[in-house]
Amino acid sequence: MTEETPGLGGENAEQPDVPSGATPDDAAPKAAEPSIAEGPAAPAGDAASKTSAQDSGLTGLTAQLDQVRTALNERTADLQRLQAEYQNYRRRVERDKVTVKEIAAANLLGELLPTLDDIGRAREHGELVGGFKSVAESMETVVAKLGLQQFGKEGEPFDPTIHEALMHSYAPDVTETTCVAILQPGYRIGERTIRPARVAVAEPQPGAQPVKGAAEDAAAAASADSADVAEDKETGGPDEG
């Protein structure tokens, strides 16, 4: 006997069940066709909820933006205040530096004032000659570069803030308390007085008329005399006794 081997194309191959009266195409599996039917429309309540959520988000962003702006304004004000404080600090430091420099120079030059007085007296007596003159002039140049200024002149009004009166007298030719002699000149650095000028002062004599008033009286008397002379000429001269 010969055994039959089942094959793919054999007569006994199993065939798919086909209903009676159907064609072979009906037996083939149909591919799934996409559905063209639209889903149901979203309800109106969902759209309103979505719009409300968007509005809430915008409100939240606006609130955050306001907070950021407020914080920015505060930080800007802090920065401006800090900058102003820094500028004030710099000005104060510069002012303190100038003050310290003036104090140091004043302390140094204060020790040299007796020497400068000796140089001044030597100049007044004609003894500032030769090498001593060169040294004295060099020293005066150096102290002038350090800011030392001499003040005090005869004939200027007495000022107790910069003058020290060592001698007092009365004089008929002054109208106010006046410095009539400079015994020792004063010295200053900038607005800082190192030593006041030591002076002799004179005041108007008690009860004496000011010089300006006396001159006015003399002019009035001369004018009156001129008027009397003119009147005598018009009347033919003074009456004879």
C-alpha atoms as a PDB file:
ATOM      1  CA  MET A   1       0.000   0.000   0.000  1.00  0.00           C
ATOM      2  CA  THR A   2       1.180   3.420  -0.732  1.00  0.00           C
ATOM      3  CA  GLU A   3       0.846   6.094   1.988  1.00  0.00           C
ATOM      4  CA  GLU A   4      -0.256   9.548   0.983  1.00  0.00           C
ATOM      5  CA  THR A   5       1.581  12.475   2.450  1.00  0.00           C
ATOM      6  CA  PRO A   6      -0.664  15.384   3.165  1.00  0.00           C
ATOM      7  CA  GLY A   7       0.502  18.454   1.245  1.00  0.00           C
ATOM      8  CA  LEU A   8      -0.392  22.035   1.083  1.00  0.00           C
ATOM      9  CA  GLY A   9      -1.976  21.671  -2.322  1.00  0.00           C
ATOM     10  CA  GLY A  10      -3.433  18.250  -1.865  1.00  0.00           C
ATOM     11  CA  GLU A  11      -6.931  17.385  -2.594  1.00  0.00           C
ATOM     12  CA  ASN A  12      -7.600  16.584   1.011  1.00  0.00           C
ATOM     13  CA  ALA A  13      -6.390  20.030   2.243  1.00  0.00           C
ATOM     14  CA  GLU A  14      -8.832  21.612   4.544  1.00  0.00           C
ATOM     15  CA  GLN A  15     -10.756  24.462   2.967  1.00  0.00           C
ATOM     16  CA  PRO A  16     -12.389  27.243   4.886  1.00  0.00           C
ATOM     17  CA  ASP A  17     -16.010  26.888   5.485  1.00  0.00           C
ATOM     18  CA  VAL A  18     -17.909  28.784   2.838  1.00  0.00           C
ATOM     19  CA  PRO A  19     -21.599  29.249   3.185  1.00  0.00           C
ATOM     20  CA  SER A  20     -23.656  27.827   0.439  1.00  0.00           C
ATOM     21  CA  GLY A  21     -24.298  30.254  -2.370  1.00  0.00           C
ATOM     22  CA  ALA A  22     -21.365  32.512  -1.421  1.00  0.00           C
ATOM     23  CA  THR A  23     -18.508  33.421  -3.685  1.00  0.00           C
ATOM     24  CA  PRO A  24     -14.880  32.834  -2.813  1.00  0.00           C
ATOM     25  CA  ASP A  25     -14.375  36.574  -2.253  1.00  0.00           C
ATOM     26  CA  ASP A  26     -16.858  36.409   0.555  1.00  0.00           C
ATOM     27  CA  ALA A  27     -14.703  33.874   2.279  1.00  0.00           C
ATOM     28  CA  ALA A  28     -11.679  36.291   2.394  1.00  0.00           C
ATOM     29  CA  PRO A  29     -11.415  38.306   5.591  1.00  0.00           C
ATOM     30  CA  LYS A  30     -12.475  41.926   5.120  1.00  0.00           C
ATOM     31  CA  ALA A  31     -10.085  44.690   6.095  1.00  0.00           C
ATOM     32  CA  ALA A  32     -11.317  46.973   8.776  1.00  0.00           C
ATOM     33  CA  GLU A  33     -12.713  50.100   7.206  1.00  0.00           C
ATOM     34  CA  PRO A  34     -12.213  53.395   8.981  1.00  0.00           C
ATOM     35  CA  SER A  35     -15.313  54.835  10.481  1.00  0.00           C
ATOM     36  CA  ILE A  36     -16.280  58.112   8.947  1.00  0.00           C
ATOM     37  CA  ALA A  37     -19.020  58.810  11.378  1.00  0.00           C
ATOM     38  CA  GLU A  38     -18.262  61.818  13.627  1.00  0.00           C
ATOM     39  CA  GLY A  39     -18.411  61.468  17.332  1.00  0.00           C
ATOM     40  CA  PRO A  40     -21.049  63.214  19.355  1.00  0.00           C
ATOM     41  CA  ALA A  41     -20.670  67.026  19.736  1.00  0.00           C
ATOM     42  CA  ALA A  42     -19.102  68.315  22.963  1.00  0.00           C
ATOM     43  CA  PRO A  43     -21.697  69.572  25.357  1.00  0.00           C
ATOM     44  CA  ALA A  44     -21.956  73.370  25.977  1.00  0.00           C
ATOM     45  CA  GLY A  45     -21.001  72.967  29.623  1.00  0.00           C
ATOM     46  CA  ASP A  46     -17.523  71.706  28.717  1.00  0.00           C
ATOM     47  CA  ALA A  47     -16.822  74.749  26.482  1.00  0.00           C
ATOM     48  CA  ALA A  48     -17.866  77.125  29.242  1.00  0.00           C
ATOM     49  CA  SER A  49     -15.635  75.300  31.717  1.00  0.00           C
ATOM     50  CA  LYS A  50     -12.702  75.559  29.333  1.00  0.00           C
ATOM     51  CA  THR A  51     -13.247  79.323  28.855  1.00  0.00           C
ATOM     52  CA  SER A  52     -13.519  79.835  32.609  1.00  0.00           C
ATOM     53  CA  ALA A  53     -10.280  77.931  33.126  1.00  0.00           C
ATOM     54  CA  GLN A  54      -8.504  80.151  30.567  1.00  0.00           C
ATOM     55  CA  ASP A  55      -9.811  83.290  32.273  1.00  0.00           C
ATOM     56  CA  SER A  56      -8.613  81.986  35.637  1.00  0.00           C
ATOM     57  CA  GLY A  57      -5.188  81.313  34.141  1.00  0.00           C
ATOM     58  CA  LEU A  58      -4.967  84.848  32.734  1.00  0.00           C
ATOM     59  CA  THR A  59      -6.007  86.296  36.091  1.00  0.00           C
ATOM     60  CA  GLY A  60      -3.322  84.278  37.818  1.00  0.00           C
ATOM     61  CA  LEU A  61      -0.685  85.459  35.323  1.00  0.00           C
ATOM     62  CA  THR A  62      -1.771  89.092  35.791  1.00  0.00           C
ATOM     63  CA  ALA A  63      -1.482  88.754  39.557  1.00  0.00           C
ATOM     64  CA  GLN A  64       1.987  87.241  39.213  1.00  0.00           C
ATOM     65  CA  LEU A  65       3.011  90.045  36.840  1.00  0.00           C
ATOM     66  CA  ASP A  66       1.829  92.650  39.368  1.00  0.00           C
ATOM     67  CA  GLN A  67       3.843  90.947  42.078  1.00  0.00           C
ATOM     68  CA  VAL A  68       6.947  90.947  39.867  1.00  0.00           C
ATOM     69  CA  ARG A  69       6.481  94.636  39.075  1.00  0.00           C
ATOM     70  CA  THR A  70       6.069  95.488  42.754  1.00  0.00           C
ATOM     71  CA  ALA A  71       9.210  93.554  43.642  1.00  0.00           C
ATOM     72  CA  LEU A  72      11.110  95.260  40.810  1.00  0.00           C
ATOM     73  CA  ASN A  73      10.051  98.710  42.022  1.00  0.00           C
ATOM     74  CA  GLU A  74      11.129  97.852  45.567  1.00  0.00           C
ATOM     75  CA  ARG A  75      14.520  96.593  44.410  1.00  0.00           C
ATOM     76  CA  THR A  76      14.976  99.687  42.229  1.00  0.00           C
ATOM     77  CA  ALA A  77      14.211 101.953  45.191  1.00  0.00           C
ATOM     78  CA  ASP A  78      16.667  99.980  47.343  1.00  0.00           C
ATOM     79  CA  LEU A  79      19.344 100.343  44.671  1.00  0.00           C
ATOM     80  CA  GLN A  80      18.784 104.082  44.357  1.00  0.00           C
ATOM     81  CA  ARG A  81      18.914 104.509  48.128  1.00  0.00           C
ATOM     82  CA  LEU A  82      22.104 102.451  48.312  1.00  0.00           C
ATOM     83  CA  GLN A  83      23.673 104.507  45.538  1.00  0.00           C
ATOM     84  CA  ALA A  84      22.800 107.760  47.317  1.00  0.00           C
ATOM     85  CA  GLU A  85      24.291 106.447  50.561  1.00  0.00           C
ATOM     86  CA  TYR A  86      27.453 105.449  48.713  1.00  0.00           C
ATOM     87  CA  GLN A  87      27.785 108.914  47.155  1.00  0.00           C
ATOM     88  CA  ASN A  88      27.334 110.521  50.586  1.00  0.00           C
ATOM     89  CA  TYR A  89      29.952 108.159  51.987  1.00  0.00           C
ATOM     90  CA  ARG A  90      32.435 109.103  49.260  1.00  0.00           C
ATOM     91  CA  ARG A  91      31.897 112.821  49.850  1.00  0.00           C
ATOM     92  CA  ARG A  92      32.290 112.346  53.596  1.00  0.00           C
ATOM     93  CA  VAL A  93      35.521 110.392  53.092  1.00  0.00           C
ATOM     94  CA  GLU A  94      36.931 113.070  50.780  1.00  0.00           C
ATOM     95  CA  ARG A  95      35.974 115.791  53.275  1.00  0.00           C
ATOM     96  CA  ASP A  96      37.583 113.872  56.125  1.00  0.00           C
ATOM     97  CA  LYS A  97      40.746 113.397  54.079  1.00  0.00           C
ATOM     98  CA  VAL A  98      40.993 117.149  53.477  1.00  0.00           C
ATOM     99  CA  THR A  99      40.358 117.846  57.162  1.00  0.00           C
ATOM    100  CA  VAL A 100      43.020 115.370  58.291  1.00  0.00           C
ATOM    101  CA  LYS A 101      45.487 116.868  55.810  1.00  0.00           C
ATOM    102  CA  GLU A 102      44.798 120.389  57.089  1.00  0.00           C
ATOM    103  CA  ILE A 103      45.200 119.303  60.717  1.00  0.00           C
ATOM    104  CA  ALA A 104      48.502 117.569  59.980  1.00  0.00           C
ATOM    105  CA  ALA A 105      49.789 120.611  58.066  1.00  0.00           C
ATOM    106  CA  ALA A 106      48.602 122.949  60.829  1.00  0.00           C
ATOM    107  CA  ASN A 107      50.405 120.945  63.490  1.00  0.00           C
ATOM    108  CA  LEU A 108      53.624 120.975  61.455  1.00  0.00           C
ATOM    109  CA  LEU A 109      53.485 124.621  60.456  1.00  0.00           C
ATOM    110  CA  GLY A 110      52.523 125.680  63.966  1.00  0.00           C
ATOM    111  CA  GLU A 111      55.988 124.620  65.092  1.00  0.00           C
ATOM    112  CA  LEU A 112      57.571 126.779  62.365  1.00  0.00           C
ATOM    113  CA  LEU A 113      55.761 130.011  63.207  1.00  0.00           C
ATOM    114  CA  PRO A 114      58.468 131.294  65.622  1.00  0.00           C
ATOM    115  CA  THR A 115      61.054 130.800  62.877  1.00  0.00           C
ATOM    116  CA  LEU A 116      58.863 132.673  60.402  1.00  0.00           C
ATOM    117  CA  ASP A 117      58.545 135.485  62.953  1.00  0.00           C
ATOM    118  CA  ASP A 118      62.334 135.681  63.202  1.00  0.00           C
ATOM    119  CA  ILE A 119      62.595 135.844  59.419  1.00  0.00           C
ATOM    120  CA  GLY A 120      60.051 138.681  59.343  1.00  0.00           C
ATOM    121  CA  ARG A 121      61.885 140.694  61.992  1.00  0.00           C
ATOM    122  CA  ALA A 122      65.186 140.176  60.195  1.00  0.00           C
ATOM    123  CA  ARG A 123      63.605 141.452  56.981  1.00  0.00           C
ATOM    124  CA  GLU A 124      62.258 144.563  58.739  1.00  0.00           C
ATOM    125  CA  HIS A 125      65.712 145.406  60.132  1.00  0.00           C
ATOM    126  CA  GLY A 126      67.508 144.765  56.819  1.00  0.00           C
ATOM    127  CA  GLU A 127      69.367 141.738  58.149  1.00  0.00           C
ATOM    128  CA  LEU A 128      67.984 139.253  55.613  1.00  0.00           C
ATOM    129  CA  VAL A 129      71.034 139.080  53.329  1.00  0.00           C
ATOM    130  CA  GLY A 130      73.353 136.523  51.787  1.00  0.00           C
ATOM    131  CA  GLY A 131      72.819 132.842  52.285  1.00  0.00           C
ATOM    132  CA  PHE A 132      70.393 133.438  55.130  1.00  0.00           C
ATOM    133  CA  LYS A 133      68.114 135.289  52.696  1.00  0.00           C
ATOM    134  CA  SER A 134      68.105 132.363  50.250  1.00  0.00           C
ATOM    135  CA  VAL A 135      67.297 129.866  53.014  1.00  0.00           C
ATOM    136  CA  ALA A 136      64.531 132.094  54.387  1.00  0.00           C
ATOM    137  CA  GLU A 137      62.938 132.592  50.971  1.00  0.00           C
ATOM    138  CA  SER A 138      63.083 128.848  50.261  1.00  0.00           C
ATOM    139  CA  MET A 139      61.397 128.127  53.563  1.00  0.00           C
ATOM    140  CA  GLU A 140      58.652 130.672  52.896  1.00  0.00           C
ATOM    141  CA  THR A 141      58.064 129.103  49.478  1.00  0.00           C
ATOM    142  CA  VAL A 142      57.700 125.635  50.985  1.00  0.00           C
ATOM    143  CA  VAL A 143      55.207 126.705  53.653  1.00  0.00           C
ATOM    144  CA  ALA A 144      53.226 128.618  51.028  1.00  0.00           C
ATOM    145  CA  LYS A 145      52.943 125.424  48.952  1.00  0.00           C
ATOM    146  CA  LEU A 146      51.571 123.683  52.037  1.00  0.00           C
ATOM    147  CA  GLY A 147      48.769 126.254  52.106  1.00  0.00           C
ATOM    148  CA  LEU A 148      50.032 128.626  54.801  1.00  0.00           C
ATOM    149  CA  GLN A 149      48.726 132.185  54.357  1.00  0.00           C
ATOM    150  CA  GLN A 150      49.722 135.276  56.320  1.00  0.00           C
ATOM    151  CA  PHE A 151      47.135 137.920  57.224  1.00  0.00           C
ATOM    152  CA  GLY A 152      46.863 141.117  59.263  1.00  0.00           C
ATOM    153  CA  LYS A 153      47.372 144.677  57.983  1.00  0.00           C
ATOM    154  CA  GLU A 154      47.430 148.087  59.594  1.00  0.00           C
ATOM    155  CA  GLY A 155      44.268 150.091  59.167  1.00  0.00           C
ATOM    156  CA  GLU A 156      41.844 147.186  58.829  1.00  0.00           C
ATOM    157  CA  PRO A 157      38.861 146.934  61.198  1.00  0.00           C
ATOM    158  CA  PHE A 158      39.406 144.879  64.316  1.00  0.00           C
ATOM    159  CA  ASP A 159      37.812 141.406  64.098  1.00  0.00           C
ATOM    160  CA  PRO A 160      37.965 139.399  67.328  1.00  0.00           C
ATOM    161  CA  THR A 161      37.675 136.124  65.401  1.00  0.00           C
ATOM    162  CA  ILE A 162      41.022 136.643  63.644  1.00  0.00           C
ATOM    163  CA  HIS A 163      42.709 139.376  65.700  1.00  0.00           C
ATOM    164  CA  GLU A 164      44.119 139.335  69.209  1.00  0.00           C
ATOM    165  CA  ALA A 165      44.398 142.799  70.746  1.00  0.00           C
ATOM    166  CA  LEU A 166      47.537 143.199  72.872  1.00  0.00           C
ATOM    167  CA  MET A 167      47.489 147.012  73.099  1.00  0.00           C
ATOM    168  CA  HIS A 168      44.625 149.492  73.298  1.00  0.00           C
ATOM    169  CA  SER A 169      44.449 153.264  72.802  1.00  0.00           C
ATOM    170  CA  TYR A 170      42.192 156.094  71.605  1.00  0.00           C
ATOM    171  CA  ALA A 171      42.669 158.064  68.420  1.00  0.00           C
ATOM    172  CA  PRO A 172      40.735 161.051  67.013  1.00  0.00           C
ATOM    173  CA  ASP A 173      41.130 159.965  63.385  1.00  0.00           C
ATOM    174  CA  VAL A 174      39.320 156.598  63.598  1.00  0.00           C
ATOM    175  CA  THR A 175      35.595 155.958  63.427  1.00  0.00           C
ATOM    176  CA  GLU A 176      35.655 152.368  64.694  1.00  0.00           C
ATOM    177  CA  THR A 177      37.973 149.992  66.490  1.00  0.00           C
ATOM    178  CA  THR A 178      40.914 149.703  64.120  1.00  0.00           C
ATOM    179  CA  CYS A 179      44.184 147.786  63.987  1.00  0.00           C
ATOM    180  CA  VAL A 180      46.836 150.499  64.098  1.00  0.00           C
ATOM    181  CA  ALA A 181      49.877 148.217  64.461  1.00  0.00           C
ATOM    182  CA  ILE A 182      50.600 144.551  63.665  1.00  0.00           C
ATOM    183  CA  LEU A 183      52.761 143.124  66.434  1.00  0.00           C
ATOM    184  CA  GLN A 184      52.733 139.564  65.009  1.00  0.00           C
ATOM    185  CA  PRO A 185      51.074 138.528  61.739  1.00  0.00           C
ATOM    186  CA  GLY A 186      48.380 135.867  61.761  1.00  0.00           C
ATOM    187  CA  TYR A 187      48.501 132.622  59.799  1.00  0.00           C
ATOM    188  CA  ARG A 188      45.803 130.365  58.391  1.00  0.00           C
ATOM    189  CA  ILE A 189      45.410 127.263  56.226  1.00  0.00           C
ATOM    190  CA  GLY A 190      42.290 127.505  54.123  1.00  0.00           C
ATOM    191  CA  GLU A 191      39.544 128.520  56.552  1.00  0.00           C
ATOM    192  CA  ARG A 192      41.426 127.208  59.591  1.00  0.00           C
ATOM    193  CA  THR A 193      43.212 129.878  61.662  1.00  0.00           C
ATOM    194  CA  ILE A 194      46.506 128.623  63.068  1.00  0.00           C
ATOM    195  CA  ARG A 195      47.333 131.801  64.962  1.00  0.00           C
ATOM    196  CA  PRO A 196      45.388 135.071  65.170  1.00  0.00           C
ATOM    197  CA  ALA A 197      47.108 138.312  64.261  1.00  0.00           C
ATOM    198  CA  ARG A 198      48.379 140.055  67.386  1.00  0.00           C
ATOM    199  CA  VAL A 199      47.678 143.755  67.020  1.00  0.00           C
ATOM    200  CA  ALA A 200      47.430 147.107  68.729  1.00  0.00           C
ATOM    201  CA  VAL A 201      43.994 148.674  68.373  1.00  0.00           C
ATOM    202  CA  ALA A 202      42.665 152.197  68.649  1.00  0.00           C
ATOM    203  CA  GLU A 203      39.127 153.347  69.326  1.00  0.00           C
ATOM    204  CA  PRO A 204      37.482 156.726  68.749  1.00  0.00           C
ATOM    205  CA  GLN A 205      37.849 159.100  71.696  1.00  0.00           C
ATOM    206  CA  PRO A 206      34.784 159.160  73.944  1.00  0.00           C
ATOM    207  CA  GLY A 207      32.548 162.135  73.077  1.00  0.00           C
ATOM    208  CA  ALA A 208      34.496 163.061  69.939  1.00  0.00           C
ATOM    209  CA  GLN A 209      32.553 163.641  66.730  1.00  0.00           C
ATOM    210  CA  PRO A 210      33.301 161.331  63.851  1.00  0.00           C
ATOM    211  CA  VAL A 211      35.703 162.667  61.282  1.00  0.00           C
ATOM    212  CA  LYS A 212      33.027 162.573  58.607  1.00  0.00           C
ATOM    213  CA  GLY A 213      30.639 164.641  60.749  1.00  0.00           C
ATOM    214  CA  ALA A 214      33.299 167.282  61.442  1.00  0.00           C
ATOM    215  CA  ALA A 215      33.967 167.657  57.737  1.00  0.00           C
ATOM    216  CA  GLU A 216      30.265 168.111  57.055  1.00  0.00           C
ATOM    217  CA  ASP A 217      30.045 170.799  59.771  1.00  0.00           C
ATOM    218  CA  ALA A 218      33.011 172.657  58.274  1.00  0.00           C
ATOM    219  CA  ALA A 219      31.425 172.569  54.823  1.00  0.00           C
ATOM    220  CA  ALA A 220      28.129 173.897  56.250  1.00  0.00           C
ATOM    221  CA  ALA A 221      29.939 176.759  58.035  1.00  0.00           C
ATOM    222  CA  ALA A 222      31.780 177.713  54.851  1.00  0.00           C
ATOM    223  CA  SER A 223      28.520 177.751  52.929  1.00  0.00           C
ATOM    224  CA  ALA A 224      26.937 180.014  55.540  1.00  0.00           C
ATOM    225  CA  ASP A 225      29.835 182.468  55.384  1.00  0.00           C
ATOM    226  CA  SER A 226      29.540 182.664  51.613  1.00  0.00           C
ATOM    227  CA  ALA A 227      25.831 183.449  51.921  1.00  0.00           C
ATOM    228  CA  ASP A 228      26.539 186.276  54.392  1.00  0.00           C
ATOM    229  CA  VAL A 229      29.134 187.838  52.087  1.00  0.00           C
ATOM    230  CA  ALA A 230      26.719 187.792  49.146  1.00  0.00           C
ATOM    231  CA  GLU A 231      24.005 189.443  51.243  1.00  0.00           C
ATOM    232  CA  ASP A 232      26.387 192.223  52.351  1.00  0.00           C
ATOM    233  CA  LYS A 233      27.258 193.014  48.737  1.00  0.00           C
ATOM    234  CA  GLU A 234      23.589 193.356  47.798  1.00  0.00           C
ATOM    235  CA  THR A 235      22.805 195.744  50.744  1.00  0.00           C
ATOM    236  CA  GLY A 236      25.873 197.911  50.251  1.00  0.00           C
ATOM    237  CA  GLY A 237      27.942 196.423  53.010  1.00  0.00           C
ATOM    238  CA  PRO A 238      27.506 196.218  56.750  1.00  0.00           C
ATOM    239  CA  ASP A 239      25.997 199.146  58.621  1.00  0.00           C
ATOM    240  CA  GLU A 240      28.532 201.594  60.040  1.00  0.00           C
ATOM    241  CA  GLY A 241      28.187 202.315  63.741  1.00  0.00           C
END
